Amino acid sequence: MNPGVAAKAARRRVRIMSATLHQPLPQHEPVAAPAARLALKSDGPSRGLLDGAWWPRSRDLLSELPALTDVLDPLWGRITRIAVNPKYWPVIPHDIPVDGHVVKAGWFTPEIDPHKLLLLSYGTGRWDLLVIPPETGAESAARLMAAASDYDGPPLTASALITADEARHAVSAADRPLDRDEAWEYEGGASSTSAAVPAQAGGVSRLIIGM
């Protein structure tokens, strides 16, 4: 065989093998992160030490904070800074990327309650959320959300609120399931994203999100 023809054939075989070995990988659609689970005071002058409650699914701020700011930015203005007590947060990044911007994170002890998240929106205000431990059962979380988002109290710190609930209800590792009426109220009726739920006092509503 002519050496030139043989060389061309060899190069052609290499190209075919290369194309076969380097097939493009299939593209997967991104999976949407679960919505943040929140209960917020929504109307009227706020009383008490907390503005609501947040029930994260883990102690990973990088993965949990974006879902939280997705809800809070339209309601409160862009969240620019947060602060936590490091007791229950194993890693606290200085900068946390969220949708469209970066949130600066800091930690303070003993100034900040271990079960509280402090949020700041530049030029708008400050809010304090009870952080319900991720491993908390649904019944306990529902009670804590209702208490933290009630305008009439209780005037307790975040840790005191959790301690009082545990003492009052002798919380066990496995809570009983919510009954139908409780589930309807704390899940926001037929919606699983958000709903205004009447508070017990004064007709003030609270905003339940992601429950």
C-alpha atoms as a PDB file:
ATOM      1  CA  MET A   1       0.000   0.000   0.000  1.00  0.00           C
ATOM      2  CA  ASN A   2       1.190   3.493  -0.754  1.00  0.00           C
ATOM      3  CA  PRO A   3       2.742   4.923   2.453  1.00  0.00           C
ATOM      4  CA  GLY A   4       0.778   8.167   2.082  1.00  0.00           C
ATOM      5  CA  VAL A   5      -2.514   6.307   1.740  1.00  0.00           C
ATOM      6  CA  ALA A   6      -1.672   4.142   4.765  1.00  0.00           C
ATOM      7  CA  ALA A   7      -0.885   7.237   6.874  1.00  0.00           C
ATOM      8  CA  LYS A   8      -4.176   8.885   5.933  1.00  0.00           C
ATOM      9  CA  ALA A   9      -6.088   5.712   6.815  1.00  0.00           C
ATOM     10  CA  ALA A  10      -4.338   5.523  10.187  1.00  0.00           C
ATOM     11  CA  ARG A  11      -5.185   9.175  10.973  1.00  0.00           C
ATOM     12  CA  ARG A  12      -8.812   8.536   9.994  1.00  0.00           C
ATOM     13  CA  ARG A  13      -8.991   5.551  12.389  1.00  0.00           C
ATOM     14  CA  VAL A  14      -7.581   7.728  15.221  1.00  0.00           C
ATOM     15  CA  ARG A  15     -10.213  10.433  14.572  1.00  0.00           C
ATOM     16  CA  ILE A  16     -13.012   7.859  14.599  1.00  0.00           C
ATOM     17  CA  MET A  17     -11.735   6.303  17.857  1.00  0.00           C
ATOM     18  CA  SER A  18     -11.346   9.726  19.456  1.00  0.00           C
ATOM     19  CA  ALA A  19     -14.903  10.717  18.529  1.00  0.00           C
ATOM     20  CA  THR A  20     -16.160   7.434  19.949  1.00  0.00           C
ATOM     21  CA  LEU A  21     -14.259   7.804  23.229  1.00  0.00           C
ATOM     22  CA  HIS A  22     -15.266  11.416  23.823  1.00  0.00           C
ATOM     23  CA  GLN A  23     -19.023  11.366  23.418  1.00  0.00           C
ATOM     24  CA  PRO A  24     -20.647  14.388  25.132  1.00  0.00           C
ATOM     25  CA  LEU A  25     -22.133  13.620  28.539  1.00  0.00           C
ATOM     26  CA  PRO A  26     -25.929  13.839  28.836  1.00  0.00           C
ATOM     27  CA  GLN A  27     -27.209  17.106  30.262  1.00  0.00           C
ATOM     28  CA  HIS A  28     -29.285  16.908  33.443  1.00  0.00           C
ATOM     29  CA  GLU A  29     -31.839  19.504  34.436  1.00  0.00           C
ATOM     30  CA  PRO A  30     -30.911  21.257  37.707  1.00  0.00           C
ATOM     31  CA  VAL A  31     -32.922  20.130  40.716  1.00  0.00           C
ATOM     32  CA  ALA A  32     -34.659  22.946  42.569  1.00  0.00           C
ATOM     33  CA  ALA A  33     -33.714  23.271  46.244  1.00  0.00           C
ATOM     34  CA  PRO A  34     -36.529  22.742  48.761  1.00  0.00           C
ATOM     35  CA  ALA A  35     -38.285  25.882  49.930  1.00  0.00           C
ATOM     36  CA  ALA A  36     -37.244  27.376  53.261  1.00  0.00           C
ATOM     37  CA  ARG A  37     -39.536  26.451  56.156  1.00  0.00           C
ATOM     38  CA  LEU A  38     -40.534  29.679  57.890  1.00  0.00           C
ATOM     39  CA  ALA A  39     -43.103  31.342  60.104  1.00  0.00           C
ATOM     40  CA  LEU A  40     -42.964  35.157  60.164  1.00  0.00           C
ATOM     41  CA  LYS A  41     -44.774  37.962  61.909  1.00  0.00           C
ATOM     42  CA  SER A  42     -46.470  39.641  58.991  1.00  0.00           C
ATOM     43  CA  ASP A  43     -48.497  42.644  60.190  1.00  0.00           C
ATOM     44  CA  GLY A  44     -48.532  45.312  62.871  1.00  0.00           C
ATOM     45  CA  PRO A  45     -45.899  46.528  65.325  1.00  0.00           C
ATOM     46  CA  SER A  46     -43.675  43.639  66.406  1.00  0.00           C
ATOM     47  CA  ARG A  47     -43.478  42.762  70.097  1.00  0.00           C
ATOM     48  CA  GLY A  48     -41.223  40.275  71.800  1.00  0.00           C
ATOM     49  CA  LEU A  49     -37.648  39.225  71.073  1.00  0.00           C
ATOM     50  CA  LEU A  50     -38.195  37.322  67.816  1.00  0.00           C
ATOM     51  CA  ASP A  51     -39.602  38.107  64.377  1.00  0.00           C
ATOM     52  CA  GLY A  52     -40.396  34.516  63.501  1.00  0.00           C
ATOM     53  CA  ALA A  53     -38.817  31.075  63.171  1.00  0.00           C
ATOM     54  CA  TRP A  54     -36.742  29.190  60.610  1.00  0.00           C
ATOM     55  CA  TRP A  55     -36.550  25.382  60.440  1.00  0.00           C
ATOM     56  CA  PRO A  56     -33.519  24.540  58.257  1.00  0.00           C
ATOM     57  CA  ARG A  57     -32.959  21.018  56.926  1.00  0.00           C
ATOM     58  CA  SER A  58     -29.279  20.951  57.907  1.00  0.00           C
ATOM     59  CA  ARG A  59     -26.516  22.940  59.619  1.00  0.00           C
ATOM     60  CA  ASP A  60     -24.885  23.826  56.291  1.00  0.00           C
ATOM     61  CA  LEU A  61     -25.203  27.598  55.833  1.00  0.00           C
ATOM     62  CA  LEU A  62     -23.934  27.453  52.247  1.00  0.00           C
ATOM     63  CA  SER A  63     -26.794  25.179  51.192  1.00  0.00           C
ATOM     64  CA  GLU A  64     -29.529  26.512  53.502  1.00  0.00           C
ATOM     65  CA  LEU A  65     -29.188  30.306  53.287  1.00  0.00           C
ATOM     66  CA  PRO A  66     -30.031  30.746  49.560  1.00  0.00           C
ATOM     67  CA  ALA A  67     -33.519  29.276  50.034  1.00  0.00           C
ATOM     68  CA  LEU A  68     -34.046  31.558  53.044  1.00  0.00           C
ATOM     69  CA  THR A  69     -33.000  34.739  51.231  1.00  0.00           C
ATOM     70  CA  ASP A  70     -35.167  33.770  48.237  1.00  0.00           C
ATOM     71  CA  VAL A  71     -38.135  34.267  50.571  1.00  0.00           C
ATOM     72  CA  LEU A  72     -36.901  37.157  52.696  1.00  0.00           C
ATOM     73  CA  ASP A  73     -35.386  39.459  50.039  1.00  0.00           C
ATOM     74  CA  PRO A  74     -38.780  40.290  48.438  1.00  0.00           C
ATOM     75  CA  LEU A  75     -40.422  40.688  51.863  1.00  0.00           C
ATOM     76  CA  TRP A  76     -37.806  42.592  53.838  1.00  0.00           C
ATOM     77  CA  GLY A  77     -35.371  43.963  51.286  1.00  0.00           C
ATOM     78  CA  ARG A  78     -32.096  42.376  50.201  1.00  0.00           C
ATOM     79  CA  ILE A  79     -30.423  40.566  53.097  1.00  0.00           C
ATOM     80  CA  THR A  80     -26.797  41.731  53.169  1.00  0.00           C
ATOM     81  CA  ARG A  81     -25.450  40.326  56.441  1.00  0.00           C
ATOM     82  CA  ILE A  82     -26.209  37.562  58.914  1.00  0.00           C
ATOM     83  CA  ALA A  83     -24.743  36.648  62.281  1.00  0.00           C
ATOM     84  CA  VAL A  84     -24.952  33.446  64.309  1.00  0.00           C
ATOM     85  CA  ASN A  85     -23.499  31.851  67.391  1.00  0.00           C
ATOM     86  CA  PRO A  86     -21.008  29.167  66.236  1.00  0.00           C
ATOM     87  CA  LYS A  87     -22.192  26.592  68.802  1.00  0.00           C
ATOM     88  CA  TYR A  88     -24.453  24.728  66.350  1.00  0.00           C
ATOM     89  CA  TRP A  89     -22.900  25.804  63.041  1.00  0.00           C
ATOM     90  CA  PRO A  90     -19.771  23.734  62.250  1.00  0.00           C
ATOM     91  CA  VAL A  91     -18.714  25.949  59.316  1.00  0.00           C
ATOM     92  CA  ILE A  92     -19.450  29.661  58.966  1.00  0.00           C
ATOM     93  CA  PRO A  93     -18.204  30.991  55.600  1.00  0.00           C
ATOM     94  CA  HIS A  94     -17.400  34.689  55.506  1.00  0.00           C
ATOM     95  CA  ASP A  95     -19.187  35.097  52.147  1.00  0.00           C
ATOM     96  CA  ILE A  96     -22.276  33.090  51.187  1.00  0.00           C
ATOM     97  CA  PRO A  97     -23.428  33.288  47.539  1.00  0.00           C
ATOM     98  CA  VAL A  98     -27.193  33.563  47.146  1.00  0.00           C
ATOM     99  CA  ASP A  99     -29.345  34.423  44.149  1.00  0.00           C
ATOM    100  CA  GLY A 100     -27.867  37.559  42.604  1.00  0.00           C
ATOM    101  CA  HIS A 101     -25.609  38.683  45.450  1.00  0.00           C
ATOM    102  CA  VAL A 102     -23.385  37.678  48.357  1.00  0.00           C
ATOM    103  CA  VAL A 103     -24.356  37.698  52.032  1.00  0.00           C
ATOM    104  CA  LYS A 104     -21.637  38.478  54.570  1.00  0.00           C
ATOM    105  CA  ALA A 105     -21.693  36.112  57.550  1.00  0.00           C
ATOM    106  CA  GLY A 106     -20.257  36.668  61.001  1.00  0.00           C
ATOM    107  CA  TRP A 107     -20.354  34.920  64.338  1.00  0.00           C
ATOM    108  CA  PHE A 108     -20.441  36.234  67.870  1.00  0.00           C
ATOM    109  CA  THR A 109     -20.462  34.580  71.281  1.00  0.00           C
ATOM    110  CA  PRO A 110     -21.883  35.122  73.843  1.00  0.00           C
ATOM    111  CA  GLU A 111     -23.696  38.103  72.289  1.00  0.00           C
ATOM    112  CA  ILE A 112     -25.962  35.972  70.068  1.00  0.00           C
ATOM    113  CA  ASP A 113     -28.255  33.244  71.354  1.00  0.00           C
ATOM    114  CA  PRO A 114     -27.137  29.826  69.992  1.00  0.00           C
ATOM    115  CA  HIS A 115     -30.651  29.198  68.634  1.00  0.00           C
ATOM    116  CA  LYS A 116     -31.021  32.562  66.873  1.00  0.00           C
ATOM    117  CA  LEU A 117     -30.188  33.923  63.428  1.00  0.00           C
ATOM    118  CA  LEU A 118     -29.683  37.688  63.111  1.00  0.00           C
ATOM    119  CA  LEU A 119     -30.346  39.164  59.667  1.00  0.00           C
ATOM    120  CA  LEU A 120     -29.565  42.654  58.385  1.00  0.00           C
ATOM    121  CA  SER A 121     -30.877  44.385  55.286  1.00  0.00           C
ATOM    122  CA  TYR A 122     -28.812  47.454  54.394  1.00  0.00           C
ATOM    123  CA  GLY A 123     -30.825  50.607  55.010  1.00  0.00           C
ATOM    124  CA  THR A 124     -33.967  48.642  55.881  1.00  0.00           C
ATOM    125  CA  GLY A 125     -33.685  46.919  59.231  1.00  0.00           C
ATOM    126  CA  ARG A 126     -32.759  43.993  61.434  1.00  0.00           C
ATOM    127  CA  TRP A 127     -34.667  40.801  62.156  1.00  0.00           C
ATOM    128  CA  ASP A 128     -34.173  37.962  64.619  1.00  0.00           C
ATOM    129  CA  LEU A 129     -35.330  34.429  63.831  1.00  0.00           C
ATOM    130  CA  LEU A 130     -35.557  31.421  66.091  1.00  0.00           C
ATOM    131  CA  VAL A 131     -33.540  28.611  64.466  1.00  0.00           C
ATOM    132  CA  ILE A 132     -35.361  25.347  65.090  1.00  0.00           C
ATOM    133  CA  PRO A 133     -32.848  22.458  65.146  1.00  0.00           C
ATOM    134  CA  PRO A 134     -33.049  20.481  61.863  1.00  0.00           C
ATOM    135  CA  GLU A 135     -33.650  17.201  63.709  1.00  0.00           C
ATOM    136  CA  THR A 136     -36.758  18.561  65.480  1.00  0.00           C
ATOM    137  CA  GLY A 137     -39.967  16.620  64.889  1.00  0.00           C
ATOM    138  CA  ALA A 138     -42.860  18.151  62.960  1.00  0.00           C
ATOM    139  CA  GLU A 139     -45.132  18.642  65.982  1.00  0.00           C
ATOM    140  CA  SER A 140     -42.479  20.448  68.033  1.00  0.00           C
ATOM    141  CA  ALA A 141     -41.460  22.574  65.034  1.00  0.00           C
ATOM    142  CA  ALA A 142     -45.074  23.616  64.467  1.00  0.00           C
ATOM    143  CA  ARG A 143     -45.466  24.691  68.104  1.00  0.00           C
ATOM    144  CA  LEU A 144     -42.194  26.643  68.058  1.00  0.00           C
ATOM    145  CA  MET A 145     -43.081  28.360  64.798  1.00  0.00           C
ATOM    146  CA  ALA A 146     -46.446  29.426  66.185  1.00  0.00           C
ATOM    147  CA  ALA A 147     -44.904  30.752  69.405  1.00  0.00           C
ATOM    148  CA  ALA A 148     -42.046  32.636  67.709  1.00  0.00           C
ATOM    149  CA  SER A 149     -44.374  34.313  65.190  1.00  0.00           C
ATOM    150  CA  ASP A 150     -47.054  35.320  67.736  1.00  0.00           C
ATOM    151  CA  TYR A 151     -47.125  39.102  68.185  1.00  0.00           C
ATOM    152  CA  ASP A 152     -48.257  38.822  71.790  1.00  0.00           C
ATOM    153  CA  GLY A 153     -45.284  36.824  72.971  1.00  0.00           C
ATOM    154  CA  PRO A 154     -43.908  34.903  74.597  1.00  0.00           C
ATOM    155  CA  PRO A 155     -41.174  37.384  75.605  1.00  0.00           C
ATOM    156  CA  LEU A 156     -38.541  34.644  75.655  1.00  0.00           C
ATOM    157  CA  THR A 157     -35.132  34.279  74.075  1.00  0.00           C
ATOM    158  CA  ALA A 158     -34.750  31.663  71.342  1.00  0.00           C
ATOM    159  CA  SER A 159     -33.060  29.145  73.662  1.00  0.00           C
ATOM    160  CA  ALA A 160     -35.575  29.751  76.450  1.00  0.00           C
ATOM    161  CA  LEU A 161     -38.430  29.145  74.009  1.00  0.00           C
ATOM    162  CA  ILE A 162     -36.993  25.775  72.949  1.00  0.00           C
ATOM    163  CA  THR A 163     -36.282  24.774  76.564  1.00  0.00           C
ATOM    164  CA  ALA A 164     -39.800  25.724  77.671  1.00  0.00           C
ATOM    165  CA  ASP A 165     -41.371  23.729  74.839  1.00  0.00           C
ATOM    166  CA  GLU A 166     -39.272  20.654  75.655  1.00  0.00           C
ATOM    167  CA  ALA A 167     -40.179  20.869  79.332  1.00  0.00           C
ATOM    168  CA  ARG A 168     -43.886  21.458  78.706  1.00  0.00           C
ATOM    169  CA  HIS A 169     -44.348  18.691  76.179  1.00  0.00           C
ATOM    170  CA  ALA A 170     -41.628  16.220  77.216  1.00  0.00           C
ATOM    171  CA  VAL A 171     -40.422  16.109  73.615  1.00  0.00           C
ATOM    172  CA  SER A 172     -39.177  12.681  72.532  1.00  0.00           C
ATOM    173  CA  ALA A 173     -36.991  11.768  69.579  1.00  0.00           C
ATOM    174  CA  ALA A 174     -40.030  10.777  67.524  1.00  0.00           C
ATOM    175  CA  ASP A 175     -42.976  13.182  67.672  1.00  0.00           C
ATOM    176  CA  ARG A 176     -46.455  11.917  66.980  1.00  0.00           C
ATOM    177  CA  PRO A 177     -47.816  12.975  63.559  1.00  0.00           C
ATOM    178  CA  LEU A 178     -49.873  16.140  63.409  1.00  0.00           C
ATOM    179  CA  ASP A 179     -53.596  15.531  63.410  1.00  0.00           C
ATOM    180  CA  ARG A 180     -55.609  16.758  60.432  1.00  0.00           C
ATOM    181  CA  ASP A 181     -56.571  20.137  61.920  1.00  0.00           C
ATOM    182  CA  GLU A 182     -53.021  20.902  63.076  1.00  0.00           C
ATOM    183  CA  ALA A 183     -51.523  19.878  59.753  1.00  0.00           C
ATOM    184  CA  TRP A 184     -54.013  22.057  57.869  1.00  0.00           C
ATOM    185  CA  GLU A 185     -53.156  25.091  59.998  1.00  0.00           C
ATOM    186  CA  TYR A 186     -49.371  24.792  60.043  1.00  0.00           C
ATOM    187  CA  GLU A 187     -49.024  23.719  56.420  1.00  0.00           C
ATOM    188  CA  GLY A 188     -51.052  26.697  55.284  1.00  0.00           C
ATOM    189  CA  GLY A 189     -54.225  24.887  54.270  1.00  0.00           C
ATOM    190  CA  ALA A 190     -54.085  23.390  50.780  1.00  0.00           C
ATOM    191  CA  SER A 191     -50.898  25.242  49.838  1.00  0.00           C
ATOM    192  CA  SER A 192     -47.440  23.898  50.592  1.00  0.00           C
ATOM    193  CA  THR A 193     -45.648  27.154  49.769  1.00  0.00           C
ATOM    194  CA  SER A 194     -47.139  30.015  51.769  1.00  0.00           C
ATOM    195  CA  ALA A 195     -50.333  31.116  53.464  1.00  0.00           C
ATOM    196  CA  ALA A 196     -51.556  33.653  55.978  1.00  0.00           C
ATOM    197  CA  VAL A 197     -52.766  31.901  59.122  1.00  0.00           C
ATOM    198  CA  PRO A 198     -54.852  33.784  61.723  1.00  0.00           C
ATOM    199  CA  ALA A 199     -53.059  34.239  65.025  1.00  0.00           C
ATOM    200  CA  GLN A 200     -54.868  33.456  68.242  1.00  0.00           C
ATOM    201  CA  ALA A 201     -54.896  37.000  69.535  1.00  0.00           C
ATOM    202  CA  GLY A 202     -56.015  40.202  67.875  1.00  0.00           C
ATOM    203  CA  GLY A 203     -56.688  38.707  64.464  1.00  0.00           C
ATOM    204  CA  VAL A 204     -53.081  39.335  63.386  1.00  0.00           C
ATOM    205  CA  SER A 205     -51.871  36.996  60.674  1.00  0.00           C
ATOM    206  CA  ARG A 206     -48.609  35.115  60.471  1.00  0.00           C
ATOM    207  CA  LEU A 207     -46.956  33.999  57.267  1.00  0.00           C
ATOM    208  CA  ILE A 208     -46.245  30.259  57.011  1.00  0.00           C
ATOM    209  CA  ILE A 209     -43.850  29.288  54.204  1.00  0.00           C
ATOM    210  CA  GLY A 210     -42.522  25.950  53.007  1.00  0.00           C
ATOM    211  CA  MET A 211     -44.382  23.834  55.558  1.00  0.00           C
END
